[in-house]
Amino acid sequence: MAEIEKLELAAHRSDIIEDVHTLIEKYRAIFGWDVPDIDENLANRLILNEVRQAIDDIQNE
């Protein structure tokens, strides 16, 4: 990756992290509607694994 792209990405890194947190919270809330006594840590891990899989799928397209 060229230096300018690395700098641009670094400038947005905190936004990307915040967006991923928001995405996990969104899906954890959906889990919570379906499973009232949800284990939040387990739900977070499951959701994050799905996000990783989705990213891998998109990268491999």
C-alpha atoms as a PDB file:
ATOM      1  CA  MET A   1       0.000   0.000   0.000  1.00  0.00           C
ATOM      2  CA  ALA A   2       1.324   3.412  -0.892  1.00  0.00           C
ATOM      3  CA  GLU A   3       2.187   5.812   1.899  1.00  0.00           C
ATOM      4  CA  ILE A   4      -0.687   8.214   1.199  1.00  0.00           C
ATOM      5  CA  GLU A   5      -3.230   5.389   1.511  1.00  0.00           C
ATOM      6  CA  LYS A   6      -1.675   4.312   4.821  1.00  0.00           C
ATOM      7  CA  LEU A   7      -1.912   7.862   6.145  1.00  0.00           C
ATOM      8  CA  GLU A   8      -5.511   8.215   5.019  1.00  0.00           C
ATOM      9  CA  LEU A   9      -6.466   4.891   6.592  1.00  0.00           C
ATOM     10  CA  ALA A  10      -4.731   5.828   9.844  1.00  0.00           C
ATOM     11  CA  ALA A  11      -6.732   9.057   9.953  1.00  0.00           C
ATOM     12  CA  HIS A  12      -9.973   7.047   9.847  1.00  0.00           C
ATOM     13  CA  ARG A  13      -8.948   4.112  12.037  1.00  0.00           C
ATOM     14  CA  SER A  14     -10.835   5.327  15.113  1.00  0.00           C
ATOM     15  CA  ASP A  15     -13.974   5.834  13.001  1.00  0.00           C
ATOM     16  CA  ILE A  16     -13.721   2.290  11.658  1.00  0.00           C
ATOM     17  CA  ILE A  17     -13.312   0.895  15.174  1.00  0.00           C
ATOM     18  CA  GLU A  18     -16.292   2.898  16.405  1.00  0.00           C
ATOM     19  CA  ASP A  19     -18.403   1.660  13.468  1.00  0.00           C
ATOM     20  CA  VAL A  20     -17.532  -1.970  14.247  1.00  0.00           C
ATOM     21  CA  HIS A  21     -18.482  -1.450  17.912  1.00  0.00           C
ATOM     22  CA  THR A  22     -21.798   0.046  16.786  1.00  0.00           C
ATOM     23  CA  LEU A  23     -22.406  -2.895  14.458  1.00  0.00           C
ATOM     24  CA  ILE A  24     -21.749  -5.392  17.252  1.00  0.00           C
ATOM     25  CA  GLU A  25     -24.073  -3.489  19.594  1.00  0.00           C
ATOM     26  CA  LYS A  26     -26.775  -3.483  16.901  1.00  0.00           C
ATOM     27  CA  TYR A  27     -26.693  -7.248  16.494  1.00  0.00           C
ATOM     28  CA  ARG A  28     -26.305  -7.904  20.228  1.00  0.00           C
ATOM     29  CA  ALA A  29     -29.527  -5.930  20.739  1.00  0.00           C
ATOM     30  CA  ILE A  30     -31.245  -8.150  18.173  1.00  0.00           C
ATOM     31  CA  PHE A  31     -29.909 -11.234  19.990  1.00  0.00           C
ATOM     32  CA  GLY A  32     -31.248  -9.747  23.237  1.00  0.00           C
ATOM     33  CA  TRP A  33     -34.748  -9.434  21.796  1.00  0.00           C
ATOM     34  CA  ASP A  34     -34.744 -13.136  20.943  1.00  0.00           C
ATOM     35  CA  VAL A  35     -32.784 -14.376  23.971  1.00  0.00           C
ATOM     36  CA  PRO A  36     -33.718 -12.406  27.125  1.00  0.00           C
ATOM     37  CA  ASP A  37     -30.995 -13.917  29.375  1.00  0.00           C
ATOM     38  CA  ILE A  38     -28.224 -13.455  26.814  1.00  0.00           C
ATOM     39  CA  ASP A  39     -24.562 -13.902  27.678  1.00  0.00           C
ATOM     40  CA  GLU A  40     -23.267 -10.592  26.274  1.00  0.00           C
ATOM     41  CA  ASN A  41     -19.635 -11.715  26.059  1.00  0.00           C
ATOM     42  CA  LEU A  42     -20.571 -14.850  24.143  1.00  0.00           C
ATOM     43  CA  ALA A  43     -22.914 -12.886  21.887  1.00  0.00           C
ATOM     44  CA  ASN A  44     -20.137 -10.354  21.173  1.00  0.00           C
ATOM     45  CA  ARG A  45     -17.712 -13.139  20.239  1.00  0.00           C
ATOM     46  CA  LEU A  46     -20.242 -14.864  17.977  1.00  0.00           C
ATOM     47  CA  ILE A  47     -21.147 -11.613  16.238  1.00  0.00           C
ATOM     48  CA  LEU A  48     -17.502 -10.613  15.834  1.00  0.00           C
ATOM     49  CA  ASN A  49     -16.728 -14.010  14.305  1.00  0.00           C
ATOM     50  CA  GLU A  50     -19.527 -13.472  11.778  1.00  0.00           C
ATOM     51  CA  VAL A  51     -18.204  -9.987  10.977  1.00  0.00           C
ATOM     52  CA  ARG A  52     -14.745 -11.493  10.395  1.00  0.00           C
ATOM     53  CA  GLN A  53     -16.233 -14.147   8.122  1.00  0.00           C
ATOM     54  CA  ALA A  54     -18.153 -11.489   6.191  1.00  0.00           C
ATOM     55  CA  ILE A  55     -14.968  -9.444   5.773  1.00  0.00           C
ATOM     56  CA  ASP A  56     -13.104 -12.519   4.525  1.00  0.00           C
ATOM     57  CA  ASP A  57     -15.930 -13.277   2.077  1.00  0.00           C
ATOM     58  CA  ILE A  58     -15.905  -9.718   0.762  1.00  0.00           C
ATOM     59  CA  GLN A  59     -12.106  -9.707   0.435  1.00  0.00           C
ATOM     60  CA  ASN A  60     -12.218 -12.972  -1.525  1.00  0.00           C
ATOM     61  CA  GLU A  61     -14.850 -11.755  -4.001  1.00  0.00           C
END
